[in-house]
Each structure stands twice: as structure tokens, then as C-alpha cells.
Amino acid sequence: MRITLALLLLAGCAGTPAGTNGTADKAPPQAPAPPPAPGPTADSYRPAIEANEAPFRERGAVVAHLNEEVRVGDIRVKVLEVLEDSRCPPDVACVWAGRVRLRVAINGAGEQVLGTDQPVTVGRQRVNLVGVAPIHWAHPPAGVDPNEPKRFAFMLSILD
């Protein structure tokens, strides 16, 4: 009987109502952590994306993918390899805009290096690399596919 009474007393102590000494050892309940602030989205960079896509919409622009041969005027151009893509990402502050250099096969001129700052001349025609997409990102924003295949826009100019 003494054991039963002792157990009942212990059980009563364990169930001390909140607001009495039963809360002295307990920490106050924590509020749930706020969700992390969302990072930038593709819409945040819409002006940069639109500016990068503009050369692809220019009249006379010819678009090619890696290992695809296209006709730029009378010249056939096939992009074989991206040698350099040092374009400054729009999500980074850079001191240099960077450039893109490609190894291309050109009919009548063999393999050449063609870049945003290095056109290729064949006879009186010049092939210019005027656009590269997608944008080169340091940290792609939400809504941007970092694995989208590269596209290249070429324009032809005639030399006098």
C-alpha cells in the first residue's frame, strides 16, 4: 500500500500543470523558422536576357548549334568547338565584357577561329559572330535551364 501511495504521489508531480514550477526547466516553444528568401528569378534578369536574344532576331541572322552546318550567304559554316566563353555573367560585376571564340569549319577556308571580336573573311565576304545564347551565368536564377544547348548567331557583311 505504501508503494501504491508513493507511485500516485510521483505521478501527480510529473503532471504539474503549466504555469507552475513545471515550466521552470522547459524552454519556451520556438516559432517556426521563416522560409528562406527566394533568390533572383529569370524575370529579375529579363532585360539582360532580352538584350542577349536580340541578335538572334535580327534580319539576316543565321543561327547554328554546335556541330551544325549552316549557310551564311555563300559560305558554309560549321561550329566544331567552343574554345573560349569568358562572357561576363549578368549576375556578376566584371571589369571586362569577355568574349567567345569558336573553332569553325568554313568552306574554302578550312578550320578557322571565329569570335565575337574576331570575324573570318573569305574573299570579299566576312562572317561575324554576333550572338551567343544562352547567357553565361555564374549562378543561374530560378527558371533558367543551365543545360540549354548553346546557339550561335552569325551575320554576313560584304567588304568593298
Protein backbone atom coordinates (compact mmCIF):
# COMPACT_ATOMS: atom_id res chain seq x y z
CA MET A 1 0.00 0.00 0.00
CA ARG A 2 2.87 2.35 0.74
CA ILE A 3 4.30 1.60 -2.70
CA THR A 4 0.98 2.41 -4.36
CA LEU A 5 0.73 5.69 -2.47
CA ALA A 6 4.31 6.64 -3.40
CA LEU A 7 3.61 5.91 -7.08
CA LEU A 8 0.49 8.04 -7.02
CA LEU A 9 2.41 10.95 -5.49
CA LEU A 10 5.16 10.65 -8.09
CA ALA A 11 2.62 10.51 -10.90
CA GLY A 12 0.98 13.64 -9.58
CA CYS A 13 4.30 15.53 -9.53
CA ALA A 14 5.02 14.57 -13.12
CA GLY A 15 1.74 16.07 -14.26
CA THR A 16 2.24 19.53 -12.70
CA PRO A 17 0.14 21.98 -14.71
CA ALA A 18 1.87 24.60 -16.91
CA GLY A 19 2.45 27.94 -15.27
CA THR A 20 3.70 26.43 -12.03
CA ASN A 21 7.14 25.11 -11.28
CA GLY A 22 6.71 22.50 -14.03
CA THR A 23 7.84 25.02 -16.69
CA ALA A 24 10.98 26.21 -14.96
CA ASP A 25 13.19 23.70 -16.81
CA LYS A 26 11.42 23.94 -20.18
CA ALA A 27 12.38 26.40 -22.95
CA PRO A 28 9.56 28.43 -24.45
CA PRO A 29 8.24 26.97 -27.70
CA GLN A 30 10.12 28.20 -30.78
CA ALA A 31 8.28 29.85 -33.64
CA PRO A 32 8.87 28.06 -36.94
CA ALA A 33 11.77 29.46 -38.92
CA PRO A 34 10.68 31.71 -41.79
CA PRO A 35 11.19 30.23 -45.25
CA PRO A 36 14.42 31.30 -46.94
CA ALA A 37 14.16 34.42 -49.02
CA PRO A 38 13.73 33.47 -52.66
CA GLY A 39 16.73 34.10 -54.89
CA PRO A 40 16.59 36.01 -58.14
CA THR A 41 14.44 34.57 -60.88
CA ALA A 42 14.75 34.74 -64.64
CA ASP A 43 12.24 37.62 -64.56
CA SER A 44 14.72 39.61 -62.45
CA TYR A 45 17.15 39.46 -65.37
CA ARG A 46 14.57 39.89 -68.17
CA PRO A 47 16.32 42.98 -69.70
CA ALA A 48 19.67 41.15 -69.88
CA ILE A 49 18.03 38.04 -71.35
CA GLU A 50 16.15 40.11 -73.96
CA ALA A 51 19.32 42.01 -74.91
CA ASN A 52 21.21 38.74 -75.32
CA GLU A 53 18.45 37.32 -77.56
CA ALA A 54 18.18 40.44 -79.78
CA PRO A 55 20.91 39.42 -82.30
CA PHE A 56 19.05 36.17 -82.98
CA ARG A 57 16.02 38.15 -84.18
CA GLU A 58 17.98 40.48 -86.48
CA ARG A 59 17.14 40.28 -90.16
CA GLY A 60 19.80 38.20 -91.90
CA ALA A 61 20.97 36.42 -88.74
CA VAL A 62 21.74 32.74 -89.23
CA VAL A 63 21.54 30.53 -86.15
CA ALA A 64 23.55 27.35 -85.60
CA HIS A 65 24.14 24.87 -82.81
CA LEU A 66 27.35 23.01 -82.06
CA ASN A 67 28.23 20.57 -84.92
CA GLU A 68 25.53 22.01 -87.18
CA GLU A 69 26.45 23.38 -90.62
CA VAL A 70 24.61 26.47 -91.83
CA ARG A 71 24.83 28.77 -94.84
CA VAL A 72 25.79 32.35 -94.12
CA GLY A 73 25.40 33.94 -97.53
CA ASP A 74 27.52 31.81 -99.87
CA ILE A 75 29.68 30.50 -97.04
CA ARG A 76 29.03 27.24 -95.21
CA VAL A 77 29.95 27.43 -91.51
CA LYS A 78 30.05 24.53 -89.08
CA VAL A 79 30.74 25.17 -85.38
CA LEU A 80 33.16 22.46 -84.26
CA GLU A 81 34.11 23.55 -80.75
CA VAL A 82 33.78 26.36 -78.22
CA LEU A 83 37.37 27.39 -77.48
CA GLU A 84 36.53 30.17 -75.02
CA ASP A 85 33.43 31.56 -73.38
CA SER A 86 34.59 34.27 -71.00
CA ARG A 87 31.45 36.42 -71.24
CA CYS A 88 30.68 38.34 -68.08
CA PRO A 89 27.60 36.87 -66.37
CA PRO A 90 24.86 39.43 -65.69
CA ASP A 91 24.80 38.27 -62.05
CA VAL A 92 28.45 39.31 -61.52
CA ALA A 93 30.28 42.64 -61.70
CA CYS A 94 33.13 42.39 -64.24
CA VAL A 95 35.82 44.73 -65.50
CA TRP A 96 35.82 43.08 -68.94
CA ALA A 97 32.82 42.05 -71.04
CA GLY A 98 34.61 38.87 -72.13
CA ARG A 99 34.41 37.11 -75.46
CA VAL A 100 33.53 33.88 -77.22
CA ARG A 101 35.90 32.10 -79.57
CA LEU A 102 34.85 29.15 -81.74
CA ARG A 103 36.70 26.65 -83.88
CA VAL A 104 34.71 26.50 -87.11
CA ALA A 105 34.98 24.77 -90.46
CA ILE A 106 34.39 27.15 -93.37
CA ASN A 107 34.12 26.03 -96.96
CA GLY A 108 37.04 27.39 -98.94
CA ALA A 109 38.96 28.43 -95.82
CA GLY A 110 39.25 25.22 -93.77
CA GLU A 111 39.25 25.38 -89.99
CA GLN A 112 39.37 28.88 -88.53
CA VAL A 113 38.95 30.63 -85.20
CA LEU A 114 35.87 32.85 -85.24
CA GLY A 115 35.00 35.02 -82.26
CA THR A 116 32.89 37.90 -81.07
CA ASP A 117 35.95 40.08 -81.66
CA GLN A 118 37.48 38.04 -84.49
CA PRO A 119 35.47 37.69 -87.75
CA VAL A 120 36.55 35.42 -90.58
CA THR A 121 36.98 36.81 -94.08
CA VAL A 122 36.56 34.68 -97.20
CA GLY A 123 37.14 36.65 -100.39
CA ARG A 124 35.04 39.79 -100.10
CA GLN A 125 32.67 38.30 -97.52
CA ARG A 126 33.06 38.48 -93.77
CA VAL A 127 31.32 36.18 -91.28
CA ASN A 128 30.69 37.80 -87.90
CA LEU A 129 29.65 36.07 -84.67
CA VAL A 130 27.00 38.47 -83.36
CA GLY A 131 25.28 36.45 -80.64
CA VAL A 132 25.72 33.53 -78.27
CA ALA A 133 22.94 32.08 -76.15
CA PRO A 134 22.10 31.14 -73.54
CA ILE A 135 23.62 33.70 -71.22
CA HIS A 136 26.73 32.60 -69.36
CA TRP A 137 25.64 32.61 -65.67
CA ALA A 138 27.72 32.42 -62.50
CA HIS A 139 24.63 31.23 -60.60
CA PRO A 140 21.65 30.55 -62.90
CA PRO A 141 18.48 32.09 -61.46
CA ALA A 142 15.33 30.08 -60.89
CA GLY A 143 13.54 29.43 -64.16
CA VAL A 144 16.74 29.23 -66.25
CA ASP A 145 17.90 25.89 -67.64
CA PRO A 146 21.69 25.80 -67.13
CA ASN A 147 21.92 22.85 -69.54
CA GLU A 148 20.28 24.56 -72.52
CA PRO A 149 22.45 23.90 -75.61
CA LYS A 150 24.44 26.83 -76.94
CA ARG A 151 23.23 28.68 -80.02
CA PHE A 152 25.32 30.99 -82.19
CA ALA A 153 24.10 33.85 -84.40
CA PHE A 154 26.12 34.78 -87.48
CA MET A 155 25.80 37.72 -89.86
CA LEU A 156 27.42 38.24 -93.23
CA SER A 157 28.93 41.50 -94.38
CA ILE A 158 30.32 42.31 -97.81
CA LEU A 159 33.66 44.13 -97.99
CA ASP A 160 34.14 46.92 -100.51
